[in-house]
Amino acid sequence: VGGGNTAAADTIYLSRICRSVRLVHRRDKLRATAIYTQRLLDLKNVE
């Protein structure tokens, strides 16, 4: 849960070791930098 760089980095890290990761954010856009957002969208086991 979160929408900043830490939440994005945690999601990317966990996607490598967990079966599935759901990132929950209270808004419709992340506060994280653009490079994080693109990486998240490319991950198959992240929702």
ModelCIF file with pLDDT and N, C-alpha, C, O atoms, coordinates in Angstrom:
data_MODEL
#
_entry.id   MODEL 
#
_entity.id                         1 
_entity.type                       polymer 
_entity.pdbx_number_of_molecules   1 
#
_entity_poly.entity_id                      1 
_entity_poly.type                           'polypeptide(L)' 
_entity_poly.nstd_linkage                   no 
_entity_poly.nstd_monomer                   no 
_entity_poly.pdbx_seq_one_letter_code       VGGGNTAAADTIYLSRICRSVRLVHRRDKLRATAIYTQRLLDLKNVE 
_entity_poly.pdbx_seq_one_letter_code_can   VGGGNTAAADTIYLSRICRSVRLVHRRDKLRATAIYTQRLLDLKNVE 
_entity_poly.pdbx_strand_id                 A 
#
loop_
_entity_poly_seq.entity_id 
_entity_poly_seq.num 
_entity_poly_seq.mon_id 
_entity_poly_seq.hetero 
1 1  VAL n 
1 2  GLY n 
1 3  GLY n 
1 4  GLY n 
1 5  ASN n 
1 6  THR n 
1 7  ALA n 
1 8  ALA n 
1 9  ALA n 
1 10 ASP n 
1 11 THR n 
1 12 ILE n 
1 13 TYR n 
1 14 LEU n 
1 15 SER n 
1 16 ARG n 
1 17 ILE n 
1 18 CYS n 
1 19 ARG n 
1 20 SER n 
1 21 VAL n 
1 22 ARG n 
1 23 LEU n 
1 24 VAL n 
1 25 HIS n 
1 26 ARG n 
1 27 ARG n 
1 28 ASP n 
1 29 LYS n 
1 30 LEU n 
1 31 ARG n 
1 32 ALA n 
1 33 THR n 
1 34 ALA n 
1 35 ILE n 
1 36 TYR n 
1 37 THR n 
1 38 GLN n 
1 39 ARG n 
1 40 LEU n 
1 41 LEU n 
1 42 ASP n 
1 43 LEU n 
1 44 LYS n 
1 45 ASN n 
1 46 VAL n 
1 47 GLU n 
#
_struct_asym.id          A 
_struct_asym.entity_id   1 
#
loop_
_ma_qa_metric.id 
_ma_qa_metric.mode 
_ma_qa_metric.name 
_ma_qa_metric.software_group_id 
_ma_qa_metric.type 
1 global pLDDT . pLDDT 
2 local  pLDDT . pLDDT 
#
_ma_qa_metric_global.metric_id      1 
_ma_qa_metric_global.metric_value   93.60 
_ma_qa_metric_global.model_id       1 
_ma_qa_metric_global.ordinal_id     1 
#
loop_
_ma_qa_metric_local.label_asym_id 
_ma_qa_metric_local.label_comp_id 
_ma_qa_metric_local.label_seq_id 
_ma_qa_metric_local.metric_id 
_ma_qa_metric_local.metric_value 
_ma_qa_metric_local.model_id 
_ma_qa_metric_local.ordinal_id 
A VAL 1  2 98.00 1 1  
A GLY 2  2 97.00 1 2  
A GLY 3  2 95.00 1 3  
A GLY 4  2 93.00 1 4  
A ASN 5  2 90.00 1 5  
A THR 6  2 90.00 1 6  
A ALA 7  2 95.00 1 7  
A ALA 8  2 94.00 1 8  
A ALA 9  2 92.00 1 9  
A ASP 10 2 94.00 1 10 
A THR 11 2 96.00 1 11 
A ILE 12 2 95.00 1 12 
A TYR 13 2 94.00 1 13 
A LEU 14 2 97.00 1 14 
A SER 15 2 97.00 1 15 
A ARG 16 2 96.00 1 16 
A ILE 17 2 96.00 1 17 
A CYS 18 2 97.00 1 18 
A ARG 19 2 97.00 1 19 
A SER 20 2 97.00 1 20 
A VAL 21 2 98.00 1 21 
A ARG 22 2 98.00 1 22 
A LEU 23 2 97.00 1 23 
A VAL 24 2 97.00 1 24 
A HIS 25 2 97.00 1 25 
A ARG 26 2 96.00 1 26 
A ARG 27 2 96.00 1 27 
A ASP 28 2 94.00 1 28 
A LYS 29 2 93.00 1 29 
A LEU 30 2 93.00 1 30 
A ARG 31 2 90.00 1 31 
A ALA 32 2 90.00 1 32 
A THR 33 2 87.00 1 33 
A ALA 34 2 87.00 1 34 
A ILE 35 2 86.00 1 35 
A TYR 36 2 86.00 1 36 
A THR 37 2 86.00 1 37 
A GLN 38 2 86.00 1 38 
A ARG 39 2 90.00 1 39 
A LEU 40 2 93.00 1 40 
A LEU 41 2 88.00 1 41 
A ASP 42 2 91.00 1 42 
A LEU 43 2 95.00 1 43 
A LYS 44 2 95.00 1 44 
A ASN 45 2 97.00 1 45 
A VAL 46 2 97.00 1 46 
A GLU 47 2 96.00 1 47 
#
loop_
_atom_site.group_PDB 
_atom_site.id 
_atom_site.type_symbol 
_atom_site.label_atom_id 
_atom_site.label_alt_id 
_atom_site.label_comp_id 
_atom_site.label_asym_id 
_atom_site.label_entity_id 
_atom_site.label_seq_id 
_atom_site.pdbx_PDB_ins_code 
_atom_site.Cartn_x 
_atom_site.Cartn_y 
_atom_site.Cartn_z 
_atom_site.occupancy 
_atom_site.B_iso_or_equiv 
_atom_site.pdbx_formal_charge 
_atom_site.auth_seq_id 
_atom_site.auth_comp_id 
_atom_site.auth_asym_id 
_atom_site.auth_atom_id 
_atom_site.pdbx_PDB_model_num 
ATOM 1   N N  . VAL A 1 1  ? 0.847  -1.187  0.000   1.00 98.00 ? 1  VAL A N  1 
ATOM 2   C CA . VAL A 1 1  ? 0.000  0.000   0.000   1.00 98.00 ? 1  VAL A CA 1 
ATOM 3   C C  . VAL A 1 1  ? 0.884  1.239   0.000   1.00 98.00 ? 1  VAL A C  1 
ATOM 4   O O  . VAL A 1 1  ? 1.818  1.351   0.795   1.00 98.00 ? 1  VAL A O  1 
ATOM 5   N N  . GLY A 1 2  ? 0.574  2.177   -0.912  1.00 97.00 ? 2  GLY A N  1 
ATOM 6   C CA . GLY A 1 2  ? 1.354  3.397   -1.051  1.00 97.00 ? 2  GLY A CA 1 
ATOM 7   C C  . GLY A 1 2  ? 1.437  3.806   -2.504  1.00 97.00 ? 2  GLY A C  1 
ATOM 8   O O  . GLY A 1 2  ? 1.045  3.048   -3.390  1.00 97.00 ? 2  GLY A O  1 
ATOM 9   N N  . GLY A 1 3  ? 1.953  5.017   -2.757  1.00 95.00 ? 3  GLY A N  1 
ATOM 10  C CA . GLY A 1 3  ? 2.018  5.484   -4.131  1.00 95.00 ? 3  GLY A CA 1 
ATOM 11  C C  . GLY A 1 3  ? 3.305  6.207   -4.484  1.00 95.00 ? 3  GLY A C  1 
ATOM 12  O O  . GLY A 1 3  ? 3.433  6.749   -5.582  1.00 95.00 ? 3  GLY A O  1 
ATOM 13  N N  . GLY A 1 4  ? 4.262  6.220   -3.557  1.00 93.00 ? 4  GLY A N  1 
ATOM 14  C CA . GLY A 1 4  ? 5.517  6.914   -3.803  1.00 93.00 ? 4  GLY A CA 1 
ATOM 15  C C  . GLY A 1 4  ? 6.613  5.985   -4.280  1.00 93.00 ? 4  GLY A C  1 
ATOM 16  O O  . GLY A 1 4  ? 6.360  4.830   -4.625  1.00 93.00 ? 4  GLY A O  1 
ATOM 17  N N  . ASN A 1 5  ? 7.838  6.498   -4.297  1.00 90.00 ? 5  ASN A N  1 
ATOM 18  C CA . ASN A 1 5  ? 8.971  5.717   -4.775  1.00 90.00 ? 5  ASN A CA 1 
ATOM 19  C C  . ASN A 1 5  ? 9.218  4.472   -3.935  1.00 90.00 ? 5  ASN A C  1 
ATOM 20  O O  . ASN A 1 5  ? 9.576  3.420   -4.465  1.00 90.00 ? 5  ASN A O  1 
ATOM 21  N N  . THR A 1 6  ? 9.027  4.594   -2.625  1.00 90.00 ? 6  THR A N  1 
ATOM 22  C CA . THR A 1 6  ? 9.259  3.438   -1.762  1.00 90.00 ? 6  THR A CA 1 
ATOM 23  C C  . THR A 1 6  ? 8.274  2.322   -2.077  1.00 90.00 ? 6  THR A C  1 
ATOM 24  O O  . THR A 1 6  ? 8.666  1.161   -2.197  1.00 90.00 ? 6  THR A O  1 
ATOM 25  N N  . ALA A 1 7  ? 7.002  2.667   -2.212  1.00 95.00 ? 7  ALA A N  1 
ATOM 26  C CA . ALA A 1 7  ? 5.990  1.660   -2.536  1.00 95.00 ? 7  ALA A CA 1 
ATOM 27  C C  . ALA A 1 7  ? 6.285  1.007   -3.880  1.00 95.00 ? 7  ALA A C  1 
ATOM 28  O O  . ALA A 1 7  ? 6.154  -0.209  -4.022  1.00 95.00 ? 7  ALA A O  1 
ATOM 29  N N  . ALA A 1 8  ? 6.682  1.804   -4.865  1.00 94.00 ? 8  ALA A N  1 
ATOM 30  C CA . ALA A 1 8  ? 6.989  1.256   -6.188  1.00 94.00 ? 8  ALA A CA 1 
ATOM 31  C C  . ALA A 1 8  ? 8.201  0.341   -6.135  1.00 94.00 ? 8  ALA A C  1 
ATOM 32  O O  . ALA A 1 8  ? 8.187  -0.747  -6.711  1.00 94.00 ? 8  ALA A O  1 
ATOM 33  N N  . ALA A 1 9  ? 9.248  0.776   -5.447  1.00 92.00 ? 9  ALA A N  1 
ATOM 34  C CA . ALA A 1 9  ? 10.461 -0.038  -5.341  1.00 92.00 ? 9  ALA A CA 1 
ATOM 35  C C  . ALA A 1 9  ? 10.186 -1.329  -4.584  1.00 92.00 ? 9  ALA A C  1 
ATOM 36  O O  . ALA A 1 9  ? 10.703 -2.386  -4.946  1.00 92.00 ? 9  ALA A O  1 
ATOM 37  N N  . ASP A 1 10 ? 9.365  -1.246  -3.524  1.00 94.00 ? 10 ASP A N  1 
ATOM 38  C CA . ASP A 1 10 ? 9.003  -2.450  -2.770  1.00 94.00 ? 10 ASP A CA 1 
ATOM 39  C C  . ASP A 1 10 ? 8.238  -3.434  -3.657  1.00 94.00 ? 10 ASP A C  1 
ATOM 40  O O  . ASP A 1 10 ? 8.466  -4.642  -3.599  1.00 94.00 ? 10 ASP A O  1 
ATOM 41  N N  . THR A 1 11 ? 7.332  -2.906  -4.473  1.00 96.00 ? 11 THR A N  1 
ATOM 42  C CA . THR A 1 11 ? 6.539  -3.766  -5.355  1.00 96.00 ? 11 THR A CA 1 
ATOM 43  C C  . THR A 1 11 ? 7.429  -4.475  -6.369  1.00 96.00 ? 11 THR A C  1 
ATOM 44  O O  . THR A 1 11 ? 7.270  -5.670  -6.616  1.00 96.00 ? 11 THR A O  1 
ATOM 45  N N  . ILE A 1 12 ? 8.355  -3.741  -6.948  1.00 95.00 ? 12 ILE A N  1 
ATOM 46  C CA . ILE A 1 12 ? 9.270  -4.334  -7.927  1.00 95.00 ? 12 ILE A CA 1 
ATOM 47  C C  . ILE A 1 12 ? 10.121 -5.418  -7.276  1.00 95.00 ? 12 ILE A C  1 
ATOM 48  O O  . ILE A 1 12 ? 10.300 -6.499  -7.837  1.00 95.00 ? 12 ILE A O  1 
ATOM 49  N N  . TYR A 1 13 ? 10.642 -5.122  -6.093  1.00 94.00 ? 13 TYR A N  1 
ATOM 50  C CA . TYR A 1 13 ? 11.452 -6.112  -5.376  1.00 94.00 ? 13 TYR A CA 1 
ATOM 51  C C  . TYR A 1 13 ? 10.637 -7.369  -5.071  1.00 94.00 ? 13 TYR A C  1 
ATOM 52  O O  . TYR A 1 13 ? 11.091 -8.484  -5.328  1.00 94.00 ? 13 TYR A O  1 
ATOM 53  N N  . LEU A 1 14 ? 9.444  -7.188  -4.527  1.00 97.00 ? 14 LEU A N  1 
ATOM 54  C CA . LEU A 1 14 ? 8.613  -8.329  -4.140  1.00 97.00 ? 14 LEU A CA 1 
ATOM 55  C C  . LEU A 1 14 ? 8.151  -9.136  -5.348  1.00 97.00 ? 14 LEU A C  1 
ATOM 56  O O  . LEU A 1 14 ? 7.933  -10.342 -5.241  1.00 97.00 ? 14 LEU A O  1 
ATOM 57  N N  . SER A 1 15 ? 8.001  -8.477  -6.497  1.00 97.00 ? 15 SER A N  1 
ATOM 58  C CA . SER A 1 15 ? 7.550  -9.194  -7.700  1.00 97.00 ? 15 SER A CA 1 
ATOM 59  C C  . SER A 1 15 ? 8.542  -10.267 -8.119  1.00 97.00 ? 15 SER A C  1 
ATOM 60  O O  . SER A 1 15 ? 8.177  -11.217 -8.812  1.00 97.00 ? 15 SER A O  1 
ATOM 61  N N  . ARG A 1 16 ? 9.780  -10.122 -7.706  1.00 96.00 ? 16 ARG A N  1 
ATOM 62  C CA . ARG A 1 16 ? 10.809 -11.093 -8.077  1.00 96.00 ? 16 ARG A CA 1 
ATOM 63  C C  . ARG A 1 16 ? 10.790 -12.338 -7.191  1.00 96.00 ? 16 ARG A C  1 
ATOM 64  O O  . ARG A 1 16 ? 11.345 -13.371 -7.565  1.00 96.00 ? 16 ARG A O  1 
ATOM 65  N N  . ILE A 1 17 ? 10.166 -12.250 -6.038  1.00 96.00 ? 17 ILE A N  1 
ATOM 66  C CA . ILE A 1 17 ? 10.211 -13.388 -5.121  1.00 96.00 ? 17 ILE A CA 1 
ATOM 67  C C  . ILE A 1 17 ? 8.821  -13.887 -4.719  1.00 96.00 ? 17 ILE A C  1 
ATOM 68  O O  . ILE A 1 17 ? 8.688  -15.000 -4.211  1.00 96.00 ? 17 ILE A O  1 
ATOM 69  N N  . CYS A 1 18 ? 7.798  -13.081 -4.940  1.00 97.00 ? 18 CYS A N  1 
ATOM 70  C CA . CYS A 1 18 ? 6.438  -13.476 -4.550  1.00 97.00 ? 18 CYS A CA 1 
ATOM 71  C C  . CYS A 1 18 ? 5.646  -13.955 -5.769  1.00 97.00 ? 18 CYS A C  1 
ATOM 72  O O  . CYS A 1 18 ? 5.951  -13.600 -6.907  1.00 97.00 ? 18 CYS A O  1 
ATOM 73  N N  . ARG A 1 19 ? 4.636  -14.759 -5.505  1.00 97.00 ? 19 ARG A N  1 
ATOM 74  C CA . ARG A 1 19 ? 3.802  -15.270 -6.594  1.00 97.00 ? 19 ARG A CA 1 
ATOM 75  C C  . ARG A 1 19 ? 3.017  -14.134 -7.237  1.00 97.00 ? 19 ARG A C  1 
ATOM 76  O O  . ARG A 1 19 ? 2.947  -14.039 -8.463  1.00 97.00 ? 19 ARG A O  1 
ATOM 77  N N  . SER A 1 20 ? 2.428  -13.275 -6.416  1.00 97.00 ? 20 SER A N  1 
ATOM 78  C CA . SER A 1 20 ? 1.700  -12.126 -6.952  1.00 97.00 ? 20 SER A CA 1 
ATOM 79  C C  . SER A 1 20 ? 1.815  -10.960 -5.987  1.00 97.00 ? 20 SER A C  1 
ATOM 80  O O  . SER A 1 20 ? 1.947  -11.142 -4.777  1.00 97.00 ? 20 SER A O  1 
ATOM 81  N N  . VAL A 1 21 ? 1.762  -9.762  -6.547  1.00 98.00 ? 21 VAL A N  1 
ATOM 82  C CA . VAL A 1 21 ? 1.828  -8.545  -5.753  1.00 98.00 ? 21 VAL A CA 1 
ATOM 83  C C  . VAL A 1 21 ? 0.731  -7.606  -6.235  1.00 98.00 ? 21 VAL A C  1 
ATOM 84  O O  . VAL A 1 21 ? 0.624  -7.323  -7.428  1.00 98.00 ? 21 VAL A O  1 
ATOM 85  N N  . ARG A 1 22 ? -0.073 -7.132  -5.309  1.00 98.00 ? 22 ARG A N  1 
ATOM 86  C CA . ARG A 1 22 ? -1.062 -6.113  -5.641  1.00 98.00 ? 22 ARG A CA 1 
ATOM 87  C C  . ARG A 1 22 ? -0.628 -4.806  -4.984  1.00 98.00 ? 22 ARG A C  1 
ATOM 88  O O  . ARG A 1 22 ? -0.445 -4.743  -3.768  1.00 98.00 ? 22 ARG A O  1 
ATOM 89  N N  . LEU A 1 23 ? -0.466 -3.775  -5.789  1.00 97.00 ? 23 LEU A N  1 
ATOM 90  C CA . LEU A 1 23 ? -0.138 -2.446  -5.272  1.00 97.00 ? 23 LEU A CA 1 
ATOM 91  C C  . LEU A 1 23 ? -1.425 -1.653  -5.135  1.00 97.00 ? 23 LEU A C  1 
ATOM 92  O O  . LEU A 1 23 ? -2.155 -1.465  -6.109  1.00 97.00 ? 23 LEU A O  1 
ATOM 93  N N  . VAL A 1 24 ? -1.700 -1.190  -3.930  1.00 97.00 ? 24 VAL A N  1 
ATOM 94  C CA . VAL A 1 24 ? -2.927 -0.464  -3.639  1.00 97.00 ? 24 VAL A CA 1 
ATOM 95  C C  . VAL A 1 24 ? -2.589 1.003   -3.399  1.00 97.00 ? 24 VAL A C  1 
ATOM 96  O O  . VAL A 1 24 ? -1.744 1.337   -2.569  1.00 97.00 ? 24 VAL A O  1 
ATOM 97  N N  . HIS A 1 25 ? -3.276 1.879   -4.153  1.00 97.00 ? 25 HIS A N  1 
ATOM 98  C CA . HIS A 1 25 ? -3.018 3.315   -4.014  1.00 97.00 ? 25 HIS A CA 1 
ATOM 99  C C  . HIS A 1 25 ? -4.348 4.073   -4.000  1.00 97.00 ? 25 HIS A C  1 
ATOM 100 O O  . HIS A 1 25 ? -5.246 3.769   -4.785  1.00 97.00 ? 25 HIS A O  1 
ATOM 101 N N  . ARG A 1 26 ? -4.469 5.033   -3.131  1.00 96.00 ? 26 ARG A N  1 
ATOM 102 C CA . ARG A 1 26 ? -5.748 5.730   -2.944  1.00 96.00 ? 26 ARG A CA 1 
ATOM 103 C C  . ARG A 1 26 ? -6.082 6.709   -4.062  1.00 96.00 ? 26 ARG A C  1 
ATOM 104 O O  . ARG A 1 26 ? -7.202 7.218   -4.118  1.00 96.00 ? 26 ARG A O  1 
ATOM 105 N N  . ARG A 1 27 ? -5.139 6.979   -4.945  1.00 96.00 ? 27 ARG A N  1 
ATOM 106 C CA . ARG A 1 27 ? -5.396 7.894   -6.062  1.00 96.00 ? 27 ARG A CA 1 
ATOM 107 C C  . ARG A 1 27 ? -5.322 7.141   -7.386  1.00 96.00 ? 27 ARG A C  1 
ATOM 108 O O  . ARG A 1 27 ? -5.089 5.932   -7.419  1.00 96.00 ? 27 ARG A O  1 
ATOM 109 N N  . ASP A 1 28 ? -5.527 7.888   -8.491  1.00 94.00 ? 28 ASP A N  1 
ATOM 110 C CA . ASP A 1 28 ? -5.505 7.241   -9.808  1.00 94.00 ? 28 ASP A CA 1 
ATOM 111 C C  . ASP A 1 28 ? -4.169 7.431   -10.524 1.00 94.00 ? 28 ASP A C  1 
ATOM 112 O O  . ASP A 1 28 ? -4.046 7.150   -11.716 1.00 94.00 ? 28 ASP A O  1 
ATOM 113 N N  . LYS A 1 29 ? -3.172 7.910   -9.780  1.00 93.00 ? 29 LYS A N  1 
ATOM 114 C CA . LYS A 1 29 ? -1.849 8.101   -10.353 1.00 93.00 ? 29 LYS A CA 1 
ATOM 115 C C  . LYS A 1 29 ? -0.823 8.007   -9.246  1.00 93.00 ? 29 LYS A C  1 
ATOM 116 O O  . LYS A 1 29 ? -1.044 8.517   -8.148  1.00 93.00 ? 29 LYS A O  1 
ATOM 117 N N  . LEU A 1 30 ? 0.310  7.350   -9.525  1.00 93.00 ? 30 LEU A N  1 
ATOM 118 C CA . LEU A 1 30 ? 1.354  7.220   -8.522  1.00 93.00 ? 30 LEU A CA 1 
ATOM 119 C C  . LEU A 1 30 ? 2.126  8.526   -8.363  1.00 93.00 ? 30 LEU A C  1 
ATOM 120 O O  . LEU A 1 30 ? 2.238  9.314   -9.301  1.00 93.00 ? 30 LEU A O  1 
ATOM 121 N N  . ARG A 1 31 ? 2.652  8.740   -7.165  1.00 90.00 ? 31 ARG A N  1 
ATOM 122 C CA . ARG A 1 31 ? 3.572  9.858   -6.939  1.00 90.00 ? 31 ARG A CA 1 
ATOM 123 C C  . ARG A 1 31 ? 4.991  9.478   -7.350  1.00 90.00 ? 31 ARG A C  1 
ATOM 124 O O  . ARG A 1 31 ? 5.852  10.346  -7.496  1.00 90.00 ? 31 ARG A O  1 
ATOM 125 N N  . ALA A 1 32 ? 5.231  8.196   -7.535  1.00 90.00 ? 32 ALA A N  1 
ATOM 126 C CA . ALA A 1 32 ? 6.564  7.702   -7.885  1.00 90.00 ? 32 ALA A CA 1 
ATOM 127 C C  . ALA A 1 32 ? 7.021  8.275   -9.222  1.00 90.00 ? 32 ALA A C  1 
ATOM 128 O O  . ALA A 1 32 ? 6.206  8.675   -10.053 1.00 90.00 ? 32 ALA A O  1 
ATOM 129 N N  . THR A 1 33 ? 8.322  8.306   -9.411  1.00 87.00 ? 33 THR A N  1 
ATOM 130 C CA . THR A 1 33 ? 8.877  8.813   -10.660 1.00 87.00 ? 33 THR A CA 1 
ATOM 131 C C  . THR A 1 33 ? 8.468  7.922   -11.826 1.00 87.00 ? 33 THR A C  1 
ATOM 132 O O  . THR A 1 33 ? 8.132  6.751   -11.645 1.00 87.00 ? 33 THR A O  1 
ATOM 133 N N  . ALA A 1 34 ? 8.502  8.490   -13.011 1.00 87.00 ? 34 ALA A N  1 
ATOM 134 C CA . ALA A 1 34 ? 7.981  7.807   -14.203 1.00 87.00 ? 34 ALA A CA 1 
ATOM 135 C C  . ALA A 1 34 ? 8.656  6.473   -14.477 1.00 87.00 ? 34 ALA A C  1 
ATOM 136 O O  . ALA A 1 34 ? 8.002  5.534   -14.930 1.00 87.00 ? 34 ALA A O  1 
ATOM 137 N N  . ILE A 1 35 ? 9.949  6.375   -14.211 1.00 86.00 ? 35 ILE A N  1 
ATOM 138 C CA . ILE A 1 35 ? 10.661 5.128   -14.515 1.00 86.00 ? 35 ILE A CA 1 
ATOM 139 C C  . ILE A 1 35 ? 10.108 3.975   -13.695 1.00 86.00 ? 35 ILE A C  1 
ATOM 140 O O  . ILE A 1 35 ? 10.056 2.843   -14.174 1.00 86.00 ? 35 ILE A O  1 
ATOM 141 N N  . TYR A 1 36 ? 9.693  4.250   -12.462 1.00 86.00 ? 36 TYR A N  1 
ATOM 142 C CA . TYR A 1 36 ? 9.089  3.222   -11.618 1.00 86.00 ? 36 TYR A CA 1 
ATOM 143 C C  . TYR A 1 36 ? 7.740  2.794   -12.177 1.00 86.00 ? 36 TYR A C  1 
ATOM 144 O O  . TYR A 1 36 ? 7.434  1.603   -12.240 1.00 86.00 ? 36 TYR A O  1 
ATOM 145 N N  . THR A 1 37 ? 6.941  3.767   -12.581 1.00 86.00 ? 37 THR A N  1 
ATOM 146 C CA . THR A 1 37 ? 5.603  3.470   -13.090 1.00 86.00 ? 37 THR A CA 1 
ATOM 147 C C  . THR A 1 37 ? 5.680  2.545   -14.296 1.00 86.00 ? 37 THR A C  1 
ATOM 148 O O  . THR A 1 37 ? 4.917  1.583   -14.378 1.00 86.00 ? 37 THR A O  1 
ATOM 149 N N  . GLN A 1 38 ? 6.581  2.815   -15.231 1.00 86.00 ? 38 GLN A N  1 
ATOM 150 C CA . GLN A 1 38 ? 6.703  1.996   -16.422 1.00 86.00 ? 38 GLN A CA 1 
ATOM 151 C C  . GLN A 1 38 ? 7.136  0.576   -16.075 1.00 86.00 ? 38 GLN A C  1 
ATOM 152 O O  . GLN A 1 38 ? 6.633  -0.391  -16.645 1.00 86.00 ? 38 GLN A O  1 
ATOM 153 N N  . ARG A 1 39 ? 8.072  0.459   -15.138 1.00 90.00 ? 39 ARG A N  1 
ATOM 154 C CA . ARG A 1 39 ? 8.519  -0.873  -14.728 1.00 90.00 ? 39 ARG A CA 1 
ATOM 155 C C  . ARG A 1 39 ? 7.377  -1.677  -14.134 1.00 90.00 ? 39 ARG A C  1 
ATOM 156 O O  . ARG A 1 39 ? 7.237  -2.869  -14.408 1.00 90.00 ? 39 ARG A O  1 
ATOM 157 N N  . LEU A 1 40 ? 6.565  -1.024  -13.322 1.00 93.00 ? 40 LEU A N  1 
ATOM 158 C CA . LEU A 1 40 ? 5.437  -1.707  -12.696 1.00 93.00 ? 40 LEU A CA 1 
ATOM 159 C C  . LEU A 1 40 ? 4.457  -2.231  -13.746 1.00 93.00 ? 40 LEU A C  1 
ATOM 160 O O  . LEU A 1 40 ? 3.966  -3.354  -13.643 1.00 93.00 ? 40 LEU A O  1 
ATOM 161 N N  . LEU A 1 41 ? 4.185  -1.420  -14.737 1.00 88.00 ? 41 LEU A N  1 
ATOM 162 C CA . LEU A 1 41 ? 3.237  -1.809  -15.784 1.00 88.00 ? 41 LEU A CA 1 
ATOM 163 C C  . LEU A 1 41 ? 3.752  -2.980  -16.608 1.00 88.00 ? 41 LEU A C  1 
ATOM 164 O O  . LEU A 1 41 ? 2.965  -3.709  -17.211 1.00 88.00 ? 41 LEU A O  1 
ATOM 165 N N  . ASP A 1 42 ? 5.064  -3.163  -16.637 1.00 91.00 ? 42 ASP A N  1 
ATOM 166 C CA . ASP A 1 42 ? 5.653  -4.247  -17.426 1.00 91.00 ? 42 ASP A CA 1 
ATOM 167 C C  . ASP A 1 42 ? 5.710  -5.575  -16.674 1.00 91.00 ? 42 ASP A C  1 
ATOM 168 O O  . ASP A 1 42 ? 6.013  -6.609  -17.270 1.00 91.00 ? 42 ASP A O  1 
ATOM 169 N N  . LEU A 1 43 ? 5.424  -5.558  -15.380 1.00 95.00 ? 43 LEU A N  1 
ATOM 170 C CA . LEU A 1 43 ? 5.540  -6.771  -14.575 1.00 95.00 ? 43 LEU A CA 1 
ATOM 171 C C  . LEU A 1 43 ? 4.267  -7.610  -14.681 1.00 95.00 ? 43 LEU A C  1 
ATOM 172 O O  . LEU A 1 43 ? 3.164  -7.112  -14.454 1.00 95.00 ? 43 LEU A O  1 
ATOM 173 N N  . LYS A 1 44 ? 4.430  -8.876  -15.024 1.00 95.00 ? 44 LYS A N  1 
ATOM 174 C CA . LYS A 1 44 ? 3.278  -9.745  -15.283 1.00 95.00 ? 44 LYS A CA 1 
ATOM 175 C C  . LYS A 1 44 ? 2.535  -10.146 -14.004 1.00 95.00 ? 44 LYS A C  1 
ATOM 176 O O  . LYS A 1 44 ? 1.331  -10.395 -14.048 1.00 95.00 ? 44 LYS A O  1 
ATOM 177 N N  . ASN A 1 45 ? 3.234  -10.210 -12.872 1.00 97.00 ? 45 ASN A N  1 
ATOM 178 C CA . ASN A 1 45 ? 2.587  -10.689 -11.645 1.00 97.00 ? 45 ASN A CA 1 
ATOM 179 C C  . ASN A 1 45 ? 2.226  -9.546  -10.699 1.00 97.00 ? 45 ASN A C  1 
ATOM 180 O O  . ASN A 1 45 ? 2.029  -9.758  -9.502  1.00 97.00 ? 45 ASN A O  1 
ATOM 181 N N  . VAL A 1 46 ? 2.141  -8.333  -11.249 1.00 97.00 ? 46 VAL A N  1 
ATOM 182 C CA . VAL A 1 46 ? 1.776  -7.166  -10.445 1.00 97.00 ? 46 VAL A CA 1 
ATOM 183 C C  . VAL A 1 46 ? 0.452  -6.599  -10.936 1.00 97.00 ? 46 VAL A C  1 
ATOM 184 O O  . VAL A 1 46 ? 0.258  -6.384  -12.132 1.00 97.00 ? 46 VAL A O  1 
ATOM 185 N N  . GLU A 1 47 ? -0.447 -6.364  -10.003 1.00 96.00 ? 47 GLU A N  1 
ATOM 186 C CA . GLU A 1 47 ? -1.725 -5.725  -10.292 1.00 96.00 ? 47 GLU A CA 1 
ATOM 187 C C  . GLU A 1 47 ? -1.808 -4.442  -9.482  1.00 96.00 ? 47 GLU A C  1 
ATOM 188 O O  . GLU A 1 47 ? -2.805 -3.725  -9.562  1.00 96.00 ? 47 GLU A O  1 
#
